[in-house]
Amino acid sequence: MRERRKVERSAVEIGELAVLPVHMSVRVLDISLSGVLLQSAHPVERGARGSLRLNLQGVPFVADVEVQRISPAPDPTSADAYRIGARFVSTSREHQHVIERFIEQ
């Protein structure tokens, strides 16, 4: 059989970790300088990390978060069946000010 690849490939050893970004819609229930409470239709593992992107009062906000806890939503009939508590892993000084202004309103 004729090889069609133009670039040589190498096998990857078992156990190599790769992470694919997965987009997931969540509802932000509350926010503080240390983290957020989210509600989602999808469960996530404690310790999972991701990037939270949203607008606070029209200001784009992006922060890396780490899931600290997950629990069932209070309403078992809700399509968003999971509550996810996440802490901010890193936030810029500018984004901290955005959160402070949002909280003060």
N, C-alpha and C. Protein backbone atom coordinates (compact mmCIF):
# COMPACT_ATOMS: atom_id res chain seq x y z
N MET A 1 0.84 -1.18 0.00
CA MET A 1 0.00 0.00 0.00
C MET A 1 0.89 1.25 0.00
N ARG A 2 0.54 2.19 -0.80
CA ARG A 2 1.31 3.43 -0.93
C ARG A 2 0.99 4.37 0.23
N GLU A 3 2.03 4.90 0.87
CA GLU A 3 1.87 5.85 1.99
C GLU A 3 1.45 7.21 1.44
N ARG A 4 0.34 7.74 1.97
CA ARG A 4 -0.15 9.03 1.50
C ARG A 4 0.31 10.20 2.37
N ARG A 5 0.80 9.91 3.55
CA ARG A 5 1.22 10.99 4.45
C ARG A 5 2.47 11.67 3.92
N LYS A 6 2.50 12.96 4.07
CA LYS A 6 3.67 13.72 3.65
C LYS A 6 4.63 13.96 4.80
N VAL A 7 4.14 13.78 6.03
CA VAL A 7 4.95 13.99 7.22
C VAL A 7 4.96 12.69 8.01
N GLU A 8 6.13 12.29 8.47
CA GLU A 8 6.27 11.06 9.23
C GLU A 8 5.59 11.19 10.60
N ARG A 9 4.99 10.11 11.06
CA ARG A 9 4.34 10.09 12.37
C ARG A 9 5.08 9.12 13.27
N SER A 10 4.99 9.37 14.57
CA SER A 10 5.60 8.49 15.57
C SER A 10 4.54 8.03 16.54
N ALA A 11 4.66 6.82 17.01
CA ALA A 11 3.72 6.29 18.01
C ALA A 11 3.94 7.01 19.34
N VAL A 12 2.87 7.14 20.11
CA VAL A 12 2.91 7.77 21.43
C VAL A 12 2.83 6.68 22.48
N GLU A 13 3.70 6.74 23.47
CA GLU A 13 3.69 5.75 24.54
C GLU A 13 2.38 5.82 25.30
N ILE A 14 1.90 4.68 25.75
CA ILE A 14 0.69 4.63 26.56
C ILE A 14 0.95 5.41 27.84
N GLY A 15 -0.02 6.19 28.25
CA GLY A 15 0.11 6.96 29.47
C GLY A 15 0.39 8.43 29.23
N GLU A 16 0.70 8.80 28.00
CA GLU A 16 0.88 10.21 27.70
C GLU A 16 -0.47 10.90 27.83
N LEU A 17 -0.48 12.03 28.49
CA LEU A 17 -1.72 12.74 28.75
C LEU A 17 -1.90 13.87 27.75
N ALA A 18 -3.07 13.96 27.20
CA ALA A 18 -3.43 15.07 26.33
C ALA A 18 -4.77 15.61 26.81
N VAL A 19 -4.93 16.90 26.73
CA VAL A 19 -6.16 17.54 27.18
C VAL A 19 -6.80 18.24 26.00
N LEU A 20 -8.06 17.96 25.78
CA LEU A 20 -8.81 18.64 24.74
C LEU A 20 -9.75 19.63 25.41
N PRO A 21 -9.75 20.88 24.97
CA PRO A 21 -10.68 21.83 25.56
C PRO A 21 -12.11 21.46 25.20
N VAL A 22 -12.96 21.41 26.19
CA VAL A 22 -14.36 21.09 25.97
C VAL A 22 -15.18 22.31 26.36
N HIS A 23 -15.97 22.77 25.43
CA HIS A 23 -16.83 23.91 25.72
C HIS A 23 -18.09 23.42 26.40
N MET A 24 -18.45 24.10 27.46
CA MET A 24 -19.62 23.70 28.23
C MET A 24 -20.32 24.97 28.69
N SER A 25 -21.59 25.07 28.42
CA SER A 25 -22.35 26.22 28.88
C SER A 25 -22.73 26.02 30.34
N VAL A 26 -22.55 27.08 31.11
CA VAL A 26 -22.91 27.06 32.52
C VAL A 26 -23.65 28.35 32.85
N ARG A 27 -24.38 28.30 33.92
CA ARG A 27 -25.04 29.50 34.43
C ARG A 27 -24.27 29.95 35.67
N VAL A 28 -23.89 31.21 35.74
CA VAL A 28 -23.20 31.74 36.91
C VAL A 28 -24.25 32.14 37.93
N LEU A 29 -24.19 31.49 39.11
CA LEU A 29 -25.16 31.79 40.17
C LEU A 29 -24.65 32.88 41.09
N ASP A 30 -23.35 32.83 41.43
CA ASP A 30 -22.75 33.91 42.19
C ASP A 30 -21.25 33.95 41.94
N ILE A 31 -20.66 35.10 42.29
CA ILE A 31 -19.25 35.30 42.03
C ILE A 31 -18.65 36.10 43.20
N SER A 32 -17.42 35.79 43.54
CA SER A 32 -16.68 36.53 44.56
C SER A 32 -15.25 36.69 44.06
N LEU A 33 -14.42 37.35 44.85
CA LEU A 33 -13.03 37.51 44.45
C LEU A 33 -12.28 36.18 44.44
N SER A 34 -12.80 35.19 45.16
CA SER A 34 -12.08 33.91 45.23
C SER A 34 -12.62 32.86 44.27
N GLY A 35 -13.87 33.01 43.79
CA GLY A 35 -14.39 31.99 42.90
C GLY A 35 -15.82 32.22 42.48
N VAL A 36 -16.43 31.15 41.91
CA VAL A 36 -17.78 31.24 41.37
C VAL A 36 -18.57 29.99 41.73
N LEU A 37 -19.89 30.16 41.77
CA LEU A 37 -20.81 29.03 41.86
C LEU A 37 -21.53 28.95 40.53
N LEU A 38 -21.43 27.80 39.88
CA LEU A 38 -22.00 27.59 38.56
C LEU A 38 -23.08 26.53 38.62
N GLN A 39 -23.95 26.54 37.64
CA GLN A 39 -24.94 25.47 37.49
C GLN A 39 -24.85 24.98 36.06
N SER A 40 -24.86 23.64 35.90
CA SER A 40 -24.64 23.05 34.59
C SER A 40 -25.44 21.77 34.42
N ALA A 41 -25.70 21.43 33.17
CA ALA A 41 -26.36 20.16 32.86
C ALA A 41 -25.36 19.01 32.89
N HIS A 42 -24.08 19.33 32.93
CA HIS A 42 -23.04 18.30 32.84
C HIS A 42 -22.21 18.25 34.12
N PRO A 43 -21.94 17.06 34.63
CA PRO A 43 -21.07 16.95 35.80
C PRO A 43 -19.61 17.12 35.38
N VAL A 44 -18.79 17.55 36.30
CA VAL A 44 -17.34 17.62 36.10
C VAL A 44 -16.68 17.04 37.33
N GLU A 45 -15.44 16.65 37.19
CA GLU A 45 -14.70 16.07 38.31
C GLU A 45 -14.11 17.15 39.21
N ARG A 46 -14.08 16.88 40.50
CA ARG A 46 -13.38 17.76 41.43
C ARG A 46 -11.92 17.81 41.01
N GLY A 47 -11.35 19.00 40.98
CA GLY A 47 -9.97 19.18 40.54
C GLY A 47 -9.83 19.53 39.07
N ALA A 48 -10.93 19.38 38.30
CA ALA A 48 -10.87 19.74 36.88
C ALA A 48 -10.61 21.23 36.74
N ARG A 49 -9.87 21.58 35.72
CA ARG A 49 -9.56 22.98 35.46
C ARG A 49 -10.12 23.40 34.12
N GLY A 50 -10.42 24.68 34.02
CA GLY A 50 -10.94 25.20 32.78
C GLY A 50 -10.80 26.71 32.74
N SER A 51 -11.27 27.29 31.67
CA SER A 51 -11.23 28.73 31.50
C SER A 51 -12.67 29.24 31.47
N LEU A 52 -12.98 30.12 32.38
CA LEU A 52 -14.32 30.71 32.47
C LEU A 52 -14.31 32.02 31.70
N ARG A 53 -15.26 32.14 30.77
CA ARG A 53 -15.37 33.36 29.96
C ARG A 53 -16.79 33.88 30.07
N LEU A 54 -16.91 35.15 30.45
CA LEU A 54 -18.22 35.77 30.55
C LEU A 54 -18.08 37.27 30.48
N ASN A 55 -19.21 37.96 30.47
CA ASN A 55 -19.23 39.43 30.51
C ASN A 55 -19.83 39.85 31.84
N LEU A 56 -19.13 40.72 32.54
CA LEU A 56 -19.66 41.32 33.76
C LEU A 56 -19.91 42.78 33.47
N GLN A 57 -21.14 43.17 33.43
CA GLN A 57 -21.54 44.54 33.11
C GLN A 57 -20.92 45.00 31.79
N GLY A 58 -20.92 44.11 30.80
CA GLY A 58 -20.41 44.45 29.49
C GLY A 58 -18.90 44.38 29.36
N VAL A 59 -18.21 44.01 30.43
CA VAL A 59 -16.75 43.91 30.39
C VAL A 59 -16.36 42.45 30.24
N PRO A 60 -15.60 42.11 29.20
CA PRO A 60 -15.17 40.72 29.03
C PRO A 60 -14.32 40.28 30.23
N PHE A 61 -14.59 39.08 30.71
CA PHE A 61 -13.90 38.54 31.88
C PHE A 61 -13.46 37.12 31.56
N VAL A 62 -12.19 36.83 31.78
CA VAL A 62 -11.65 35.50 31.54
C VAL A 62 -10.78 35.13 32.73
N ALA A 63 -10.99 33.94 33.27
CA ALA A 63 -10.16 33.48 34.39
C ALA A 63 -10.06 31.97 34.36
N ASP A 64 -8.91 31.47 34.76
CA ASP A 64 -8.75 30.03 34.92
C ASP A 64 -9.37 29.63 36.25
N VAL A 65 -10.12 28.52 36.24
CA VAL A 65 -10.78 28.05 37.46
C VAL A 65 -10.45 26.58 37.71
N GLU A 66 -10.60 26.19 38.97
CA GLU A 66 -10.44 24.80 39.36
C GLU A 66 -11.65 24.39 40.18
N VAL A 67 -12.27 23.28 39.81
CA VAL A 67 -13.47 22.81 40.50
C VAL A 67 -13.10 22.32 41.89
N GLN A 68 -13.80 22.85 42.89
CA GLN A 68 -13.58 22.48 44.28
C GLN A 68 -14.64 21.52 44.80
N ARG A 69 -15.85 21.69 44.28
CA ARG A 69 -16.94 20.80 44.72
C ARG A 69 -18.01 20.74 43.64
N ILE A 70 -18.77 19.66 43.69
CA ILE A 70 -19.91 19.49 42.79
C ILE A 70 -21.01 18.83 43.59
N SER A 71 -22.24 19.29 43.39
CA SER A 71 -23.38 18.72 44.12
C SER A 71 -24.61 18.79 43.24
N PRO A 72 -25.62 18.00 43.58
CA PRO A 72 -26.87 18.08 42.81
C PRO A 72 -27.52 19.45 43.01
N ALA A 73 -28.16 19.95 41.97
CA ALA A 73 -28.91 21.20 42.08
C ALA A 73 -30.12 20.95 42.99
N PRO A 74 -30.59 21.99 43.68
CA PRO A 74 -31.73 21.82 44.59
C PRO A 74 -33.00 21.32 43.91
N ASP A 75 -33.19 21.70 42.65
CA ASP A 75 -34.38 21.28 41.91
C ASP A 75 -34.02 20.09 41.02
N PRO A 76 -34.40 18.87 41.40
CA PRO A 76 -34.02 17.70 40.62
C PRO A 76 -34.65 17.66 39.22
N THR A 77 -35.66 18.47 38.97
CA THR A 77 -36.30 18.49 37.65
C THR A 77 -35.63 19.49 36.71
N SER A 78 -34.68 20.26 37.21
CA SER A 78 -33.98 21.25 36.40
C SER A 78 -33.12 20.57 35.34
N ALA A 79 -33.05 21.19 34.16
CA ALA A 79 -32.17 20.67 33.11
C ALA A 79 -30.71 20.85 33.51
N ASP A 80 -30.44 21.86 34.34
CA ASP A 80 -29.09 22.09 34.86
C ASP A 80 -29.00 21.42 36.23
N ALA A 81 -28.66 20.14 36.23
CA ALA A 81 -28.77 19.30 37.42
C ALA A 81 -27.60 19.37 38.39
N TYR A 82 -26.54 20.12 38.04
CA TYR A 82 -25.35 20.12 38.89
C TYR A 82 -24.94 21.53 39.29
N ARG A 83 -24.54 21.67 40.55
CA ARG A 83 -23.94 22.91 41.04
C ARG A 83 -22.45 22.68 41.18
N ILE A 84 -21.68 23.61 40.67
CA ILE A 84 -20.23 23.46 40.63
C ILE A 84 -19.59 24.67 41.30
N GLY A 85 -18.87 24.42 42.38
CA GLY A 85 -18.11 25.47 43.05
C GLY A 85 -16.68 25.45 42.53
N ALA A 86 -16.21 26.58 42.03
CA ALA A 86 -14.87 26.64 41.46
C ALA A 86 -14.13 27.85 42.01
N ARG A 87 -12.84 27.67 42.24
CA ARG A 87 -12.01 28.79 42.71
C ARG A 87 -11.22 29.33 41.53
N PHE A 88 -10.91 30.63 41.60
CA PHE A 88 -10.08 31.23 40.57
C PHE A 88 -8.64 30.80 40.80
N VAL A 89 -8.02 30.25 39.78
CA VAL A 89 -6.62 29.85 39.85
C VAL A 89 -5.75 31.08 39.62
N SER A 90 -6.17 31.88 38.69
CA SER A 90 -5.43 33.13 38.42
C SER A 90 -6.41 34.15 37.85
N THR A 91 -6.31 35.35 38.36
CA THR A 91 -7.08 36.46 37.80
C THR A 91 -6.14 37.67 37.73
N SER A 92 -6.30 38.44 36.71
CA SER A 92 -5.48 39.65 36.58
C SER A 92 -6.00 40.69 37.56
N ARG A 93 -5.17 41.67 37.85
CA ARG A 93 -5.56 42.78 38.72
C ARG A 93 -6.79 43.48 38.14
N GLU A 94 -6.80 43.64 36.82
CA GLU A 94 -7.93 44.28 36.15
C GLU A 94 -9.22 43.50 36.36
N HIS A 95 -9.16 42.17 36.25
CA HIS A 95 -10.36 41.36 36.44
C HIS A 95 -10.80 41.35 37.90
N GLN A 96 -9.87 41.46 38.83
CA GLN A 96 -10.25 41.57 40.24
C GLN A 96 -11.05 42.86 40.46
N HIS A 97 -10.63 43.93 39.81
CA HIS A 97 -11.37 45.20 39.91
C HIS A 97 -12.75 45.08 39.28
N VAL A 98 -12.85 44.36 38.18
CA VAL A 98 -14.15 44.15 37.53
C VAL A 98 -15.09 43.43 38.50
N ILE A 99 -14.60 42.39 39.16
CA ILE A 99 -15.42 41.65 40.13
C ILE A 99 -15.82 42.57 41.28
N GLU A 100 -14.88 43.33 41.81
CA GLU A 100 -15.18 44.25 42.92
C GLU A 100 -16.27 45.24 42.54
N ARG A 101 -16.17 45.83 41.35
CA ARG A 101 -17.20 46.78 40.91
C ARG A 101 -18.55 46.10 40.75
N PHE A 102 -18.55 44.87 40.22
CA PHE A 102 -19.79 44.13 40.05
C PHE A 102 -20.43 43.82 41.40
N ILE A 103 -19.65 43.39 42.37
CA ILE A 103 -20.15 43.05 43.70
C ILE A 103 -20.72 44.27 44.42
N GLU A 104 -20.07 45.41 44.24
CA GLU A 104 -20.48 46.63 44.96
C GLU A 104 -21.81 47.18 44.48
N GLN A 105 -22.29 46.77 43.33
CA GLN A 105 -23.57 47.30 42.82
C GLN A 105 -24.74 46.70 43.50
